[in-house]
N, C-alpha and C. Protein backbone atom coordinates (compact mmCIF):
# COMPACT_ATOMS: atom_id res chain seq x y z
N MET A 1 16.49 -2.80 20.72
CA MET A 1 16.09 -2.43 19.40
C MET A 1 14.50 -2.11 19.32
N LYS A 2 14.28 -1.12 18.64
CA LYS A 2 12.81 -0.79 18.55
C LYS A 2 12.44 -0.87 17.05
N ALA A 3 11.45 -1.78 16.72
CA ALA A 3 11.15 -2.09 15.38
C ALA A 3 9.68 -1.86 15.07
N LEU A 4 9.35 -1.41 13.82
CA LEU A 4 8.11 -1.22 13.36
C LEU A 4 7.92 -2.34 12.21
N ILE A 5 6.84 -3.09 12.41
CA ILE A 5 6.36 -3.94 11.25
C ILE A 5 5.28 -3.25 10.66
N ALA A 6 5.32 -2.87 9.39
CA ALA A 6 4.37 -2.11 8.63
C ALA A 6 3.77 -2.88 7.49
N THR A 7 2.39 -3.06 7.43
CA THR A 7 1.66 -3.78 6.47
C THR A 7 0.70 -2.97 5.80
N PRO A 8 0.82 -2.82 4.50
CA PRO A 8 -0.15 -2.09 3.72
C PRO A 8 -1.28 -3.05 3.20
N SER A 9 -2.53 -2.55 3.31
CA SER A 9 -3.64 -3.51 3.00
C SER A 9 -4.71 -2.73 2.22
N ALA A 10 -4.91 -2.89 0.88
CA ALA A 10 -5.86 -2.18 0.15
C ALA A 10 -7.21 -2.57 0.71
N ARG A 11 -7.38 -3.93 1.06
CA ARG A 11 -8.69 -4.40 1.50
C ARG A 11 -9.00 -4.10 3.01
N GLY A 12 -7.95 -3.72 3.83
CA GLY A 12 -8.08 -3.63 5.22
C GLY A 12 -8.03 -4.83 6.02
N THR A 13 -7.60 -5.93 5.38
CA THR A 13 -7.53 -7.15 6.09
C THR A 13 -6.07 -7.80 5.67
N VAL A 14 -5.73 -8.81 6.53
CA VAL A 14 -4.55 -9.65 6.20
C VAL A 14 -5.05 -11.05 6.04
N ASP A 15 -4.28 -11.90 5.20
CA ASP A 15 -4.55 -13.37 5.07
C ASP A 15 -4.28 -13.96 6.44
N MET A 16 -4.88 -15.11 6.60
CA MET A 16 -4.73 -15.88 7.75
C MET A 16 -3.28 -16.36 7.99
N GLU A 17 -2.68 -16.69 6.83
CA GLU A 17 -1.24 -17.13 7.02
C GLU A 17 -0.35 -15.99 7.40
N THR A 18 -0.66 -14.83 7.01
CA THR A 18 0.11 -13.54 7.55
C THR A 18 -0.09 -13.36 9.00
N ALA A 19 -1.37 -13.46 9.46
CA ALA A 19 -1.66 -13.21 10.84
C ALA A 19 -1.06 -14.23 11.67
N THR A 20 -1.12 -15.59 11.29
CA THR A 20 -0.52 -16.74 12.17
C THR A 20 1.01 -16.50 12.08
N SER A 21 1.68 -16.17 10.96
CA SER A 21 3.07 -15.96 10.93
C SER A 21 3.44 -14.82 11.80
N MET A 22 2.64 -13.77 11.87
CA MET A 22 3.03 -12.51 12.80
C MET A 22 2.84 -12.92 14.32
N ALA A 23 1.88 -13.71 14.62
CA ALA A 23 1.55 -14.08 16.05
C ALA A 23 2.81 -14.75 16.50
N GLN A 24 3.36 -15.70 15.79
CA GLN A 24 4.39 -16.56 16.15
C GLN A 24 5.79 -15.80 16.06
N GLY A 25 5.96 -14.99 15.15
CA GLY A 25 7.08 -14.08 14.93
C GLY A 25 7.28 -13.02 16.04
N MET A 26 6.09 -12.38 16.41
CA MET A 26 6.12 -11.38 17.49
C MET A 26 6.40 -12.00 18.86
N ALA A 27 5.91 -13.30 19.05
CA ALA A 27 6.25 -13.99 20.39
C ALA A 27 7.80 -14.09 20.45
N LEU A 28 8.53 -14.53 19.31
CA LEU A 28 9.87 -14.71 19.40
C LEU A 28 10.56 -13.48 19.67
N LEU A 29 10.15 -12.28 18.84
CA LEU A 29 10.67 -10.99 19.09
C LEU A 29 10.66 -10.57 20.59
N ALA A 30 9.49 -10.81 21.13
CA ALA A 30 9.44 -10.47 22.62
C ALA A 30 10.34 -11.31 23.58
N MET A 31 10.49 -12.57 23.34
CA MET A 31 11.41 -13.38 23.93
C MET A 31 12.88 -12.88 23.72
N ALA A 32 13.15 -12.37 22.64
CA ALA A 32 14.52 -11.80 22.39
C ALA A 32 14.66 -10.43 22.87
N GLY A 33 13.75 -9.84 23.40
CA GLY A 33 13.86 -8.57 23.93
C GLY A 33 13.70 -7.32 22.99
N ILE A 34 13.27 -7.72 21.82
CA ILE A 34 13.03 -6.76 20.79
C ILE A 34 11.67 -6.07 20.98
N ASP A 35 11.66 -4.72 21.07
CA ASP A 35 10.49 -3.93 21.11
C ASP A 35 9.78 -3.79 19.81
N ALA A 36 8.75 -4.53 19.40
CA ALA A 36 8.18 -4.51 18.02
C ALA A 36 6.75 -4.15 18.17
N GLN A 37 6.33 -3.36 17.13
CA GLN A 37 4.86 -3.12 16.91
C GLN A 37 4.56 -3.36 15.64
N TRP A 38 3.26 -3.89 15.45
CA TRP A 38 2.76 -4.17 14.18
C TRP A 38 1.63 -3.27 13.80
N LYS A 39 1.78 -2.48 12.73
CA LYS A 39 0.75 -1.44 12.22
C LYS A 39 0.17 -2.00 10.90
N ILE A 40 -1.03 -2.01 10.80
CA ILE A 40 -1.77 -2.41 9.39
C ILE A 40 -2.41 -1.08 8.97
N GLN A 41 -2.12 -0.58 7.73
CA GLN A 41 -2.76 0.51 7.18
C GLN A 41 -3.79 0.11 6.02
N ALA A 42 -5.01 0.29 6.33
CA ALA A 42 -6.07 -0.06 5.33
C ALA A 42 -6.10 1.10 4.28
N GLY A 43 -6.53 0.60 3.07
CA GLY A 43 -6.85 1.48 2.05
C GLY A 43 -5.60 2.09 1.37
N VAL A 44 -4.48 1.43 1.40
CA VAL A 44 -3.23 1.98 0.73
C VAL A 44 -3.45 1.72 -0.75
N CYS A 45 -3.27 2.90 -1.52
CA CYS A 45 -3.44 2.83 -2.94
C CYS A 45 -2.15 3.08 -3.62
N PHE A 46 -1.43 4.19 -3.26
CA PHE A 46 -0.12 4.52 -3.82
C PHE A 46 0.99 4.04 -2.95
N ILE A 47 1.40 2.86 -3.28
CA ILE A 47 2.27 2.05 -2.24
C ILE A 47 3.61 2.78 -2.05
N HIS A 48 4.16 3.42 -3.07
CA HIS A 48 5.45 4.09 -2.89
C HIS A 48 5.30 5.25 -1.88
N VAL A 49 4.21 6.09 -1.94
CA VAL A 49 3.98 7.14 -1.16
C VAL A 49 3.86 6.66 0.26
N TRP A 50 3.04 5.60 0.50
CA TRP A 50 2.94 5.07 1.70
C TRP A 50 4.17 4.54 2.45
N ARG A 51 5.02 3.76 1.68
CA ARG A 51 6.19 3.30 2.25
C ARG A 51 7.13 4.45 2.58
N ASP A 52 7.21 5.44 1.79
CA ASP A 52 8.09 6.57 2.06
C ASP A 52 7.55 7.27 3.38
N ARG A 53 6.29 7.52 3.55
CA ARG A 53 5.75 8.15 4.71
C ARG A 53 6.02 7.28 6.06
N VAL A 54 5.96 5.95 5.91
CA VAL A 54 6.19 5.07 7.11
C VAL A 54 7.67 5.24 7.40
N MET A 55 8.69 5.27 6.51
CA MET A 55 10.04 5.42 6.82
C MET A 55 10.36 6.85 7.50
N ARG A 56 9.78 7.76 6.95
CA ARG A 56 9.78 9.13 7.57
C ARG A 56 9.32 9.18 8.99
N GLN A 57 8.19 8.59 9.20
CA GLN A 57 7.57 8.55 10.57
C GLN A 57 8.33 7.67 11.48
N ALA A 58 8.77 6.49 11.11
CA ALA A 58 9.60 5.74 11.87
C ALA A 58 10.83 6.43 12.44
N LEU A 59 11.42 7.06 11.57
CA LEU A 59 12.60 7.87 11.87
C LEU A 59 12.30 8.94 12.89
N ALA A 60 11.23 9.61 12.72
CA ALA A 60 10.68 10.67 13.64
C ALA A 60 10.41 10.07 15.01
N ASP A 61 9.82 8.79 15.03
CA ASP A 61 9.34 8.20 16.19
C ASP A 61 10.38 7.42 16.93
N GLY A 62 11.77 7.34 16.46
CA GLY A 62 12.69 6.81 17.10
C GLY A 62 12.93 5.29 16.92
N TYR A 63 12.24 4.82 15.88
CA TYR A 63 12.39 3.40 15.62
C TYR A 63 13.90 3.10 15.04
N ASP A 64 14.42 1.90 15.16
CA ASP A 64 15.70 1.53 14.63
C ASP A 64 15.60 0.96 13.28
N ALA A 65 14.41 0.32 13.17
CA ALA A 65 14.31 -0.51 11.90
C ALA A 65 12.81 -0.58 11.45
N VAL A 66 12.59 -0.75 10.24
CA VAL A 66 11.17 -1.05 9.78
C VAL A 66 11.07 -2.35 9.06
N VAL A 67 10.17 -3.16 9.32
CA VAL A 67 10.02 -4.41 8.46
C VAL A 67 8.80 -4.15 7.65
N PHE A 68 8.87 -4.12 6.30
CA PHE A 68 7.63 -3.97 5.42
C PHE A 68 7.21 -5.45 5.16
N LEU A 69 5.82 -5.77 5.47
CA LEU A 69 5.18 -7.00 5.35
C LEU A 69 3.98 -6.89 4.55
N ASP A 70 3.94 -7.43 3.44
CA ASP A 70 2.74 -7.38 2.67
C ASP A 70 1.66 -8.28 3.28
N ASP A 71 0.32 -7.95 3.05
CA ASP A 71 -0.76 -8.51 3.71
C ASP A 71 -1.09 -9.97 3.25
N ASP A 72 -0.38 -10.43 2.39
CA ASP A 72 -0.48 -11.77 1.79
C ASP A 72 0.72 -12.63 1.94
N ILE A 73 1.73 -12.22 2.64
CA ILE A 73 2.89 -12.94 2.77
C ILE A 73 2.99 -13.77 4.14
N GLY A 74 3.20 -15.07 4.05
CA GLY A 74 3.36 -15.92 5.22
C GLY A 74 4.81 -16.25 5.36
N PHE A 75 5.35 -16.54 6.54
CA PHE A 75 6.74 -16.83 6.72
C PHE A 75 6.99 -17.64 7.93
N GLU A 76 8.14 -18.31 8.10
CA GLU A 76 8.47 -19.12 9.24
C GLU A 76 8.59 -18.24 10.45
N SER A 77 8.28 -18.89 11.67
CA SER A 77 8.27 -18.05 12.83
C SER A 77 9.54 -17.15 13.27
N ASP A 78 10.78 -17.61 12.77
CA ASP A 78 12.03 -17.01 13.10
C ASP A 78 12.39 -15.94 12.01
N ALA A 79 11.52 -15.75 11.07
CA ALA A 79 11.95 -14.89 9.96
C ALA A 79 12.18 -13.32 10.41
N LEU A 80 11.30 -12.80 11.30
CA LEU A 80 11.32 -11.46 11.67
C LEU A 80 12.62 -11.35 12.65
N LEU A 81 12.88 -12.28 13.35
CA LEU A 81 14.05 -12.22 14.27
C LEU A 81 15.24 -12.33 13.36
N LYS A 82 15.40 -13.12 12.42
CA LYS A 82 16.54 -13.17 11.49
C LYS A 82 16.73 -11.84 10.79
N LEU A 83 15.69 -11.20 10.22
CA LEU A 83 15.83 -9.95 9.56
C LEU A 83 16.20 -8.81 10.31
N LEU A 84 15.72 -8.81 11.64
CA LEU A 84 16.01 -7.76 12.58
C LEU A 84 17.45 -7.83 13.26
N THR A 85 18.02 -8.98 13.18
CA THR A 85 19.26 -9.12 13.82
C THR A 85 20.46 -9.31 12.92
N HIS A 86 20.20 -9.31 11.67
CA HIS A 86 21.26 -9.20 10.55
C HIS A 86 22.07 -7.77 10.74
N ALA A 87 23.31 -7.81 10.55
CA ALA A 87 24.15 -6.66 10.83
C ALA A 87 24.38 -5.84 9.50
N VAL A 88 23.17 -5.77 8.86
CA VAL A 88 23.31 -4.94 7.47
C VAL A 88 22.09 -3.89 7.51
N ASP A 89 22.11 -3.00 6.56
CA ASP A 89 21.03 -1.96 6.68
C ASP A 89 19.74 -2.40 5.95
N VAL A 90 19.85 -3.04 4.77
CA VAL A 90 18.86 -3.50 3.96
C VAL A 90 18.92 -5.10 3.76
N VAL A 91 17.89 -5.76 4.15
CA VAL A 91 17.78 -7.25 3.91
C VAL A 91 16.26 -7.60 3.91
N GLY A 92 16.14 -8.61 2.93
CA GLY A 92 14.73 -9.06 2.74
C GLY A 92 14.63 -10.60 2.48
N ALA A 93 13.57 -11.03 2.61
CA ALA A 93 13.31 -12.54 2.23
C ALA A 93 12.94 -12.61 0.89
N VAL A 94 13.36 -13.84 0.27
CA VAL A 94 12.97 -13.87 -1.00
C VAL A 94 11.55 -14.46 -1.30
N CYS A 95 10.64 -13.56 -1.83
CA CYS A 95 9.32 -13.85 -1.92
C CYS A 95 8.98 -14.27 -3.35
N VAL A 96 8.06 -15.07 -3.62
CA VAL A 96 7.61 -15.40 -5.02
C VAL A 96 6.32 -14.58 -5.50
N LYS A 97 6.38 -14.35 -6.90
CA LYS A 97 5.12 -13.69 -7.43
C LYS A 97 3.99 -14.77 -7.32
N ARG A 98 2.77 -14.19 -6.98
CA ARG A 98 1.64 -15.07 -6.89
C ARG A 98 1.35 -15.60 -8.40
N GLY A 99 1.09 -16.94 -8.38
CA GLY A 99 0.57 -17.48 -9.72
C GLY A 99 1.86 -17.97 -10.56
N THR A 100 3.02 -17.41 -10.37
CA THR A 100 4.10 -17.72 -11.27
C THR A 100 5.07 -18.62 -10.48
N GLY A 101 5.36 -18.44 -9.24
CA GLY A 101 6.34 -19.11 -8.50
C GLY A 101 7.65 -18.54 -8.71
N GLU A 102 7.78 -17.44 -9.47
CA GLU A 102 9.04 -16.73 -9.85
C GLU A 102 9.49 -15.92 -8.66
N SER A 103 10.69 -16.00 -8.36
CA SER A 103 11.25 -15.30 -7.24
C SER A 103 11.38 -13.68 -7.57
N VAL A 104 11.11 -12.85 -6.59
CA VAL A 104 11.23 -11.41 -6.75
C VAL A 104 12.52 -11.05 -6.20
N VAL A 105 13.60 -11.32 -6.97
CA VAL A 105 14.88 -10.98 -6.52
C VAL A 105 15.93 -11.20 -7.68
N ARG A 106 16.82 -10.24 -7.85
CA ARG A 106 17.84 -10.49 -8.88
C ARG A 106 19.15 -10.61 -8.07
N TYR A 107 19.81 -11.76 -8.30
CA TYR A 107 20.99 -12.07 -7.42
C TYR A 107 22.37 -11.50 -7.97
N ALA A 108 23.33 -11.21 -7.06
CA ALA A 108 24.62 -10.79 -7.42
C ALA A 108 25.44 -12.07 -6.91
N VAL A 109 26.70 -11.86 -6.71
CA VAL A 109 27.57 -12.99 -6.26
C VAL A 109 28.11 -12.99 -4.95
N ASP A 110 27.99 -11.81 -4.26
CA ASP A 110 28.64 -11.59 -2.99
C ASP A 110 27.86 -12.41 -1.90
N ALA A 111 28.52 -12.82 -0.94
CA ALA A 111 27.95 -13.51 0.27
C ALA A 111 28.68 -13.08 1.55
N VAL A 112 27.91 -13.15 2.61
CA VAL A 112 28.59 -12.78 3.85
C VAL A 112 28.98 -14.16 4.50
N PRO A 113 30.24 -14.50 4.88
CA PRO A 113 30.58 -15.66 5.47
C PRO A 113 29.93 -15.80 6.82
N GLY A 114 29.44 -16.99 7.08
CA GLY A 114 28.78 -17.23 8.26
C GLY A 114 27.22 -16.85 8.31
N MET A 115 26.71 -16.24 7.30
CA MET A 115 25.32 -15.66 7.34
C MET A 115 24.59 -16.21 6.11
N ASP A 116 23.42 -16.51 6.16
CA ASP A 116 22.63 -16.98 5.00
C ASP A 116 22.16 -15.84 4.23
N VAL A 117 22.97 -14.83 3.95
CA VAL A 117 22.53 -13.73 3.13
C VAL A 117 23.52 -13.62 1.84
N ILE A 118 22.98 -13.04 0.80
CA ILE A 118 23.64 -12.78 -0.44
C ILE A 118 23.38 -11.45 -0.93
N ALA A 119 24.35 -10.88 -1.55
CA ALA A 119 24.06 -9.48 -2.15
C ALA A 119 23.14 -9.76 -3.42
N CYS A 120 22.36 -8.76 -3.63
CA CYS A 120 21.45 -8.83 -4.82
C CYS A 120 21.36 -7.46 -5.40
N GLU A 121 20.89 -7.60 -6.71
CA GLU A 121 20.67 -6.32 -7.42
C GLU A 121 19.34 -5.68 -6.89
N TYR A 122 18.30 -6.33 -6.78
CA TYR A 122 17.08 -5.94 -6.23
C TYR A 122 16.35 -7.01 -5.58
N ILE A 123 15.48 -6.60 -4.62
CA ILE A 123 14.53 -7.69 -3.83
C ILE A 123 13.19 -6.97 -3.74
N GLY A 124 12.16 -7.73 -3.69
CA GLY A 124 10.87 -7.22 -3.50
C GLY A 124 10.68 -6.73 -2.05
N THR A 125 9.52 -5.95 -1.94
CA THR A 125 9.30 -5.35 -0.59
C THR A 125 8.35 -6.24 0.19
N GLY A 126 7.90 -7.36 -0.31
CA GLY A 126 6.93 -8.13 0.47
C GLY A 126 7.23 -8.54 1.98
N LEU A 127 8.60 -8.78 2.20
CA LEU A 127 9.16 -8.98 3.52
C LEU A 127 10.47 -8.39 3.48
N LEU A 128 10.70 -7.23 3.80
CA LEU A 128 11.89 -6.36 3.66
C LEU A 128 12.18 -5.49 4.99
N ARG A 129 13.33 -5.63 5.48
CA ARG A 129 13.71 -4.83 6.68
C ARG A 129 14.82 -3.85 6.31
N LEU A 130 14.47 -2.57 6.81
CA LEU A 130 15.35 -1.37 6.55
C LEU A 130 15.73 -0.79 7.87
N THR A 131 16.92 -0.45 8.16
CA THR A 131 17.08 0.41 9.32
C THR A 131 16.71 1.76 8.96
N THR A 132 16.47 2.60 10.07
CA THR A 132 16.12 3.98 9.83
C THR A 132 17.36 4.77 9.31
N LYS A 133 18.49 4.37 9.38
CA LYS A 133 19.68 4.98 8.80
C LYS A 133 19.61 5.09 7.34
N VAL A 134 18.84 4.10 6.73
CA VAL A 134 18.51 4.06 5.30
C VAL A 134 17.70 5.22 5.04
N ALA A 135 16.76 5.59 5.81
CA ALA A 135 15.83 6.64 5.52
C ALA A 135 16.63 7.96 5.43
N GLN A 136 17.56 8.16 6.41
CA GLN A 136 18.37 9.39 6.47
C GLN A 136 19.23 9.48 5.27
N ARG A 137 19.85 8.46 4.84
CA ARG A 137 20.72 8.43 3.62
C ARG A 137 20.00 8.68 2.41
N MET A 138 18.89 7.98 2.23
CA MET A 138 18.02 8.18 1.00
C MET A 138 17.44 9.53 0.91
N MET A 139 16.94 10.12 2.02
CA MET A 139 16.34 11.42 2.00
C MET A 139 17.45 12.44 1.75
N GLY A 140 18.62 12.24 2.28
CA GLY A 140 19.74 13.05 1.97
C GLY A 140 20.06 13.14 0.54
N ALA A 141 20.06 12.02 -0.09
CA ALA A 141 20.49 11.86 -1.50
C ALA A 141 19.36 12.22 -2.46
N TYR A 142 18.04 11.89 -2.16
CA TYR A 142 17.06 11.94 -3.18
C TYR A 142 15.80 12.59 -2.77
N GLY A 143 15.75 13.03 -1.44
CA GLY A 143 14.66 13.73 -0.97
C GLY A 143 13.41 12.81 -0.53
N ARG A 144 13.75 11.52 -0.79
CA ARG A 144 12.58 10.49 -0.56
C ARG A 144 13.29 9.14 -0.33
N VAL A 145 12.48 8.18 0.19
CA VAL A 145 13.12 6.82 0.39
C VAL A 145 12.53 5.89 -0.69
N PHE A 146 11.18 6.05 -1.05
CA PHE A 146 10.58 5.18 -2.12
C PHE A 146 9.93 6.19 -3.17
N ASP A 147 9.98 5.70 -4.33
CA ASP A 147 9.24 6.19 -5.45
C ASP A 147 9.07 5.34 -6.57
N ILE A 148 8.46 5.67 -7.59
CA ILE A 148 8.33 4.83 -8.92
C ILE A 148 8.91 5.62 -10.08
N GLU A 149 9.22 4.98 -11.12
CA GLU A 149 9.60 5.62 -12.39
C GLU A 149 8.80 5.05 -13.52
N ARG A 150 8.32 5.99 -14.36
CA ARG A 150 7.58 5.48 -15.43
C ARG A 150 8.47 5.65 -16.75
N ALA A 151 8.46 4.64 -17.48
CA ALA A 151 9.21 4.60 -18.82
C ALA A 151 8.33 5.25 -19.84
N TYR A 152 8.46 6.42 -20.10
CA TYR A 152 7.55 7.12 -20.96
C TYR A 152 7.66 6.69 -22.53
N SER A 153 8.75 5.99 -22.85
CA SER A 153 8.89 5.44 -24.20
C SER A 153 8.09 4.02 -24.26
N SER A 154 7.50 3.66 -23.13
CA SER A 154 6.75 2.41 -23.18
C SER A 154 5.61 2.61 -22.08
N ASP A 155 4.88 1.54 -21.85
CA ASP A 155 3.75 1.61 -20.85
C ASP A 155 4.25 1.05 -19.52
N SER A 156 5.59 0.79 -19.41
CA SER A 156 6.00 0.14 -18.13
C SER A 156 6.29 1.12 -17.05
N VAL A 157 6.14 0.59 -15.95
CA VAL A 157 6.40 1.48 -14.73
C VAL A 157 7.25 0.53 -13.75
N GLN A 158 8.36 1.14 -13.27
CA GLN A 158 9.34 0.53 -12.39
C GLN A 158 8.69 0.59 -11.03
N GLY A 159 8.41 -0.42 -10.33
CA GLY A 159 7.85 -0.49 -8.96
C GLY A 159 8.81 0.21 -7.94
N GLU A 160 8.13 0.45 -6.78
CA GLU A 160 8.84 1.03 -5.80
C GLU A 160 10.06 0.23 -5.22
N ASP A 161 9.90 -1.06 -5.25
CA ASP A 161 10.88 -1.97 -4.71
C ASP A 161 12.23 -1.86 -5.57
N ILE A 162 12.00 -1.90 -6.87
CA ILE A 162 13.26 -1.77 -7.74
C ILE A 162 13.79 -0.44 -7.67
N TRP A 163 12.93 0.71 -7.74
CA TRP A 163 13.34 2.05 -7.57
C TRP A 163 14.24 2.16 -6.39
N PHE A 164 13.69 1.67 -5.33
CA PHE A 164 14.53 1.76 -4.01
C PHE A 164 15.76 1.20 -4.19
N CYS A 165 15.84 -0.16 -4.47
CA CYS A 165 17.18 -0.90 -4.53
C CYS A 165 18.15 -0.23 -5.52
N LYS A 166 17.64 0.24 -6.62
CA LYS A 166 18.49 0.91 -7.53
C LYS A 166 19.11 2.07 -7.04
N HIS A 167 18.42 2.91 -6.35
CA HIS A 167 18.89 4.17 -5.84
C HIS A 167 19.75 4.00 -4.60
N TRP A 168 19.40 2.90 -3.77
CA TRP A 168 20.24 2.67 -2.58
C TRP A 168 21.55 2.11 -3.00
N ARG A 169 21.64 1.40 -4.01
CA ARG A 169 22.98 0.86 -4.58
C ARG A 169 23.76 2.02 -5.06
N ALA A 170 23.15 3.01 -5.66
CA ALA A 170 23.81 4.02 -6.30
C ALA A 170 24.58 5.03 -5.20
N ILE A 171 24.20 4.82 -4.04
CA ILE A 171 24.90 5.61 -3.05
C ILE A 171 25.79 4.70 -2.20
N ASP A 172 26.44 3.72 -2.91
CA ASP A 172 27.45 2.82 -2.41
C ASP A 172 26.91 1.93 -1.21
N ARG A 173 25.78 1.38 -1.37
CA ARG A 173 25.27 0.63 -0.46
C ARG A 173 24.85 -0.72 -1.03
N VAL A 174 24.53 -1.76 -0.14
CA VAL A 174 24.31 -3.09 -0.70
C VAL A 174 22.86 -3.50 -0.27
N VAL A 175 22.28 -4.33 -1.08
CA VAL A 175 20.88 -4.89 -0.77
C VAL A 175 21.18 -6.42 -0.60
N TRP A 176 20.58 -6.93 0.51
CA TRP A 176 20.86 -8.28 0.95
C TRP A 176 19.67 -9.06 0.80
N ALA A 177 19.76 -10.33 0.54
CA ALA A 177 18.59 -11.35 0.57
C ALA A 177 19.01 -12.39 1.48
N ASP A 178 18.14 -12.74 2.43
CA ASP A 178 18.23 -13.85 3.33
C ASP A 178 17.68 -15.03 2.77
N THR A 179 18.54 -16.05 2.35
CA THR A 179 18.07 -17.12 1.50
C THR A 179 17.57 -18.28 2.46
N SER A 180 17.79 -18.00 3.77
CA SER A 180 17.23 -19.11 4.67
C SER A 180 15.78 -19.06 4.97
N ILE A 181 15.23 -17.76 4.76
CA ILE A 181 13.78 -17.57 5.09
C ILE A 181 12.89 -18.04 4.03
N LYS A 182 11.90 -18.92 4.36
CA LYS A 182 10.96 -19.50 3.51
C LYS A 182 9.71 -18.62 3.58
N THR A 183 9.14 -18.25 2.50
CA THR A 183 7.91 -17.46 2.46
C THR A 183 6.78 -18.11 1.70
N THR A 184 5.54 -17.72 1.89
CA THR A 184 4.37 -18.19 1.07
C THR A 184 3.83 -16.82 0.60
N HIS A 185 3.18 -16.83 -0.65
CA HIS A 185 2.47 -15.76 -1.03
C HIS A 185 1.02 -16.06 -1.49
N ALA A 186 0.15 -15.79 -0.51
CA ALA A 186 -1.24 -16.18 -0.62
C ALA A 186 -1.94 -15.42 -1.94
N GLY A 187 -2.81 -16.23 -2.52
CA GLY A 187 -3.60 -15.68 -3.73
C GLY A 187 -5.05 -16.17 -3.77
N ARG A 188 -5.70 -15.64 -4.51
CA ARG A 188 -7.12 -16.02 -4.70
C ARG A 188 -7.31 -16.37 -6.20
N HIS A 189 -8.17 -17.42 -6.29
CA HIS A 189 -8.48 -17.94 -7.62
C HIS A 189 -9.97 -17.69 -7.97
N ALA A 190 -10.25 -17.34 -9.13
CA ALA A 190 -11.72 -17.25 -9.51
C ALA A 190 -12.07 -18.47 -10.29
N TRP A 191 -13.09 -19.12 -9.83
CA TRP A 191 -13.52 -20.39 -10.52
C TRP A 191 -14.79 -19.99 -11.38
N THR A 192 -14.89 -20.49 -12.51
CA THR A 192 -16.06 -20.30 -13.35
C THR A 192 -16.87 -21.55 -13.36
N SER A 193 -18.18 -21.39 -13.12
CA SER A 193 -19.21 -22.54 -13.14
C SER A 193 -19.62 -22.82 -14.78
N HIS A 194 -19.77 -24.08 -14.83
CA HIS A 194 -20.31 -24.61 -16.20
C HIS A 194 -21.50 -25.54 -15.87
N LEU A 195 -22.46 -25.41 -16.65
CA LEU A 195 -23.71 -26.09 -16.54
C LEU A 195 -23.74 -27.20 -17.61
């Protein structure tokens, strides 16, 4: 298997927990014989455009799978190996929103016997694995893999993760969440001085 781990970074850096997780995870992938490459893209502004380009390029370069990893997500050392060896096309880890502790996943009721995965309505892209077959199917159906939708009746924007999951499920496919993977979502706090 040939896998690309793709990290967007507006700042051009990754958090220490992400880097440590990747070092441990890449070592396990190498021991398992998985050819993996980690690419960090600095200055990513339009995340849906970037994710779409990554999937197109991975398909063109002969990758079997892409793992999207945000620059502030930490994970247990076996998380990448788990995601890359699940026999499904779309599977992610359950990540939490910074500051809220709220999970970025909406669950359904299906489960795969013998696997720690459950079907879900949508899952965030903080730690998400897609096979490149997904890119072929999505481009065939929609002309793109990721996009966003703006609700013009309000000021809300549907993010690229929800757009992707909604459209992937519409072409008779399932989105899976691996509930055994534990993640952290790093954040920064601003402290105000008082005299």
